[in-house]
Amino acid sequence: MEKQNLNISKAVFQDQQHTNNVKIITQDHIGKGSKYKKNAIQNNDGMITNENNIILTVAAADCTPVYIIEPNRKIIALVHSGREGTRKKITTKAILMMQKYFKTKSKNLIVIIGPAICKNCYKINDQIAEQFEKRHCFSQKSHIFLDIKAHIIDELLKLKIKKIEEINLCTFEDKQFYSFRNEGILHGTGIGFMTIKKEN
């Protein structure tokens, strides 16, 4: 992996609350939340930008980070898709906003689904299972499990996005990642990032 020299003062952080709220980020947002959480973009779980040298961030500890790229026109989005955000289809909302405000086309988008808790480790109860389509849930040894990534991929396919890459690493199983399910309320948090680097 190539080491990146990133200036944290150019980063934008959000106070994620498992919503489907998505915000378009401009130079005016640079530095939000980089020093103080109370200064982060509040009640938000997705960001989109077409401006250079703005670092979009996402915090996750089992939830799914979704990286959306339009490489030709240099537009990016970064989404925090936890269980609630996935149920509320935050990834779909971000892509529709990219289409509305930046005229992106599905055929040009690349979507990377980052490390998250896998379907074999994400136990849920009956009440949660009722909130999702049956094909995304399965039973095994008297437990019910939820496949968040399959739900997100189905969203993308409905939007006719074909360039989809899934990083098959489970944050629950792989000790290089933080995991709420493993560590409990005092868990650490991993940070994902995206930026459009200005060409020399």
Protein backbone atom coordinates (compact mmCIF):
# COMPACT_ATOMS: atom_id res chain seq x y z
CA MET A 1 0.00 0.00 0.00
CA GLU A 2 1.35 3.39 -0.97
CA LYS A 3 1.90 5.77 1.93
CA GLN A 4 0.00 9.01 1.57
CA ASN A 5 1.05 12.35 3.00
CA LEU A 6 -2.25 13.89 3.99
CA ASN A 7 -2.79 17.18 5.73
CA ILE A 8 -5.35 16.58 8.48
CA SER A 9 -6.30 20.25 8.40
CA LYS A 10 -7.83 19.57 4.96
CA ALA A 11 -10.04 16.79 6.32
CA VAL A 12 -13.78 16.96 6.88
CA PHE A 13 -15.33 14.85 9.65
CA GLN A 14 -18.98 14.16 10.34
CA ASP A 15 -20.88 13.31 13.50
CA GLN A 16 -22.33 10.06 12.23
CA GLN A 17 -25.74 9.13 13.64
CA HIS A 18 -26.77 6.22 11.38
CA THR A 19 -28.87 8.48 9.16
CA ASN A 20 -29.24 8.62 5.39
CA ASN A 21 -28.22 12.28 5.36
CA VAL A 22 -25.69 13.17 2.67
CA LYS A 23 -24.00 16.55 2.22
CA ILE A 24 -22.13 18.17 -0.67
CA ILE A 25 -18.75 19.32 0.62
CA THR A 26 -16.93 22.46 -0.51
CA GLN A 27 -13.86 24.39 0.56
CA ASP A 28 -16.03 26.05 3.22
CA HIS A 29 -16.21 22.74 5.10
CA ILE A 30 -12.45 22.10 5.26
CA GLY A 31 -11.29 21.36 8.80
CA LYS A 32 -14.76 20.59 10.16
CA GLY A 33 -14.32 18.22 13.10
CA SER A 34 -10.56 17.89 12.61
CA LYS A 35 -9.90 19.25 16.12
CA TYR A 36 -13.23 19.06 17.94
CA LYS A 37 -16.09 16.62 17.43
CA LYS A 38 -18.65 19.31 18.22
CA ASN A 39 -17.38 21.20 15.16
CA ALA A 40 -17.93 18.24 12.82
CA ILE A 41 -20.80 18.18 10.32
CA GLN A 42 -23.69 17.16 12.52
CA ASN A 43 -26.15 14.32 11.99
CA ASN A 44 -24.62 13.24 8.70
CA ASP A 45 -23.35 9.95 7.25
CA GLY A 46 -22.34 10.70 3.68
CA MET A 47 -20.28 13.29 1.81
CA ILE A 48 -19.80 14.21 -1.84
CA THR A 49 -17.30 16.57 -3.44
CA ASN A 50 -15.86 17.55 -6.81
CA GLU A 51 -13.22 19.87 -5.36
CA ASN A 52 -9.49 19.17 -5.10
CA ASN A 53 -7.60 18.50 -1.87
CA ILE A 54 -10.61 18.06 0.39
CA ILE A 55 -10.24 14.89 2.45
CA LEU A 56 -13.55 13.16 3.03
CA THR A 57 -13.55 10.81 6.02
CA VAL A 58 -15.69 8.03 7.41
CA ALA A 59 -15.45 6.38 10.83
CA ALA A 60 -16.33 2.70 11.18
CA ALA A 61 -16.01 -0.21 13.59
CA ASP A 62 -18.07 -2.94 11.84
CA CYS A 63 -20.24 -0.61 9.73
CA THR A 64 -19.61 -0.54 6.00
CA PRO A 65 -17.69 2.30 4.33
CA VAL A 66 -18.72 2.81 0.70
CA TYR A 67 -16.35 4.62 -1.66
CA ILE A 68 -17.93 6.03 -4.84
CA ILE A 69 -15.77 7.40 -7.65
CA GLU A 70 -16.47 9.07 -10.97
CA PRO A 71 -12.89 9.03 -12.31
CA ASN A 72 -13.46 10.85 -15.59
CA ARG A 73 -14.99 13.97 -14.08
CA LYS A 74 -13.31 13.61 -10.67
CA ILE A 75 -16.29 13.43 -8.35
CA ILE A 76 -16.19 11.33 -5.20
CA ALA A 77 -18.51 10.29 -2.39
CA LEU A 78 -17.85 8.50 0.88
CA VAL A 79 -20.68 6.88 2.81
CA HIS A 80 -21.07 5.36 6.28
CA SER A 81 -23.55 2.55 5.76
CA GLY A 82 -24.31 0.89 9.08
CA ARG A 83 -27.38 -1.24 9.60
CA GLU A 84 -29.72 1.74 9.82
CA GLY A 85 -28.05 3.65 7.00
CA THR A 86 -28.27 0.55 4.83
CA ARG A 87 -31.94 0.05 5.69
CA LYS A 88 -32.53 3.70 4.72
CA LYS A 89 -30.51 3.20 1.50
CA ILE A 90 -27.93 5.90 2.09
CA THR A 91 -25.73 4.62 -0.76
CA THR A 92 -28.60 5.00 -3.21
CA LYS A 93 -29.28 8.50 -1.92
CA ALA A 94 -25.64 9.54 -2.38
CA ILE A 95 -25.55 8.25 -5.96
CA LEU A 96 -28.84 9.94 -6.85
CA MET A 97 -27.44 13.19 -5.46
CA MET A 98 -24.33 12.77 -7.60
CA GLN A 99 -26.56 12.33 -10.62
CA LYS A 100 -28.74 15.31 -9.75
CA TYR A 101 -26.06 17.84 -8.85
CA PHE A 102 -23.07 16.65 -10.91
CA LYS A 103 -24.75 14.82 -13.81
CA THR A 104 -22.86 11.60 -13.18
CA LYS A 105 -23.85 8.44 -15.04
CA SER A 106 -24.05 4.98 -13.52
CA LYS A 107 -21.90 3.45 -16.25
CA ASN A 108 -18.98 5.68 -15.23
CA LEU A 109 -19.11 5.07 -11.48
CA ILE A 110 -16.76 2.81 -9.58
CA VAL A 111 -17.93 1.66 -6.15
CA ILE A 112 -15.69 0.04 -3.55
CA ILE A 113 -17.32 -1.62 -0.55
CA GLY A 114 -14.80 -1.49 2.27
CA PRO A 115 -14.02 -3.82 5.20
CA ALA A 116 -16.99 -4.43 7.52
CA ILE A 117 -18.54 -7.14 9.63
CA CYS A 118 -19.31 -10.10 7.36
CA LYS A 119 -22.57 -11.97 6.96
CA ASN A 120 -21.31 -14.94 8.99
CA CYS A 121 -20.61 -12.76 12.05
CA TYR A 122 -23.49 -10.28 12.04
CA LYS A 123 -26.10 -11.82 14.33
CA ILE A 124 -29.44 -10.03 14.55
CA ASN A 125 -32.80 -10.63 16.20
CA ASP A 126 -36.24 -11.28 14.70
CA GLN A 127 -37.30 -7.64 14.95
CA ILE A 128 -34.31 -6.44 12.94
CA ALA A 129 -34.71 -9.22 10.38
CA GLU A 130 -38.26 -8.03 9.70
CA GLN A 131 -36.85 -4.67 8.54
CA PHE A 132 -34.83 -6.25 5.72
CA GLU A 133 -35.67 -8.35 2.69
CA LYS A 134 -35.58 -12.07 3.37
CA ARG A 135 -32.87 -12.71 0.81
CA HIS A 136 -30.43 -10.63 2.87
CA CYS A 137 -31.02 -12.66 6.05
CA PHE A 138 -30.37 -16.31 6.81
CA SER A 139 -30.65 -18.66 9.78
CA GLN A 140 -27.94 -20.93 11.08
CA LYS A 141 -27.74 -22.87 14.35
CA SER A 142 -30.78 -21.06 15.80
CA HIS A 143 -29.30 -17.60 15.03
CA ILE A 144 -30.28 -15.08 12.36
CA PHE A 145 -27.60 -13.31 10.34
CA LEU A 146 -27.72 -10.23 8.10
CA ASP A 147 -25.70 -9.69 4.93
CA ILE A 148 -25.26 -5.91 4.79
CA LYS A 149 -22.91 -5.98 1.82
CA ALA A 150 -25.36 -8.01 -0.28
CA HIS A 151 -28.00 -5.38 0.45
CA ILE A 152 -25.67 -2.59 -0.72
CA ILE A 153 -24.69 -4.52 -3.85
CA ASP A 154 -28.36 -5.03 -4.71
CA GLU A 155 -28.87 -1.27 -4.40
CA LEU A 156 -26.00 -0.66 -6.80
CA LEU A 157 -27.24 -3.19 -9.34
CA LYS A 158 -30.69 -1.57 -9.32
CA LEU A 159 -28.95 1.69 -10.23
CA LYS A 160 -27.23 -0.15 -13.11
CA ILE A 161 -23.77 0.19 -11.61
CA LYS A 162 -21.52 -2.61 -12.84
CA LYS A 163 -18.08 -1.58 -11.59
CA ILE A 164 -18.31 -2.86 -8.02
CA GLU A 165 -15.41 -4.06 -5.90
CA GLU A 166 -15.93 -5.69 -2.53
CA ILE A 167 -13.04 -5.87 -0.07
CA ASN A 168 -13.59 -9.23 1.62
CA LEU A 169 -12.20 -8.44 5.04
CA CYS A 170 -14.32 -8.87 8.16
CA THR A 171 -13.78 -6.34 10.92
CA PHE A 172 -15.10 -8.82 13.50
CA GLU A 173 -12.68 -11.61 12.51
CA ASP A 174 -9.62 -9.62 11.44
CA LYS A 175 -7.76 -8.16 14.42
CA GLN A 176 -6.20 -5.38 12.36
CA PHE A 177 -9.59 -3.65 12.47
CA TYR A 178 -11.62 -2.17 15.31
CA SER A 179 -14.92 -3.91 16.01
CA PHE A 180 -17.86 -2.75 18.10
CA ARG A 181 -19.10 -6.34 18.31
CA ASN A 182 -15.73 -7.52 19.62
CA GLU A 183 -14.72 -4.62 21.83
CA GLY A 184 -18.02 -3.27 23.11
CA ILE A 185 -18.79 0.33 24.02
CA LEU A 186 -15.11 1.25 24.51
CA HIS A 187 -14.19 0.16 20.98
CA GLY A 188 -11.69 1.97 18.81
CA THR A 189 -12.69 3.41 15.44
CA GLY A 190 -11.07 3.07 12.04
CA ILE A 191 -11.01 6.03 9.67
CA GLY A 192 -11.37 5.73 5.92
CA PHE A 193 -10.65 8.64 3.62
CA MET A 194 -10.91 9.85 0.04
CA THR A 195 -9.55 12.90 -1.72
CA ILE A 196 -9.14 14.32 -5.20
CA LYS A 197 -5.50 15.20 -5.57
CA LYS A 198 -4.67 18.24 -7.62
CA GLU A 199 -2.62 17.37 -10.67
CA ASN A 200 0.82 18.94 -10.94
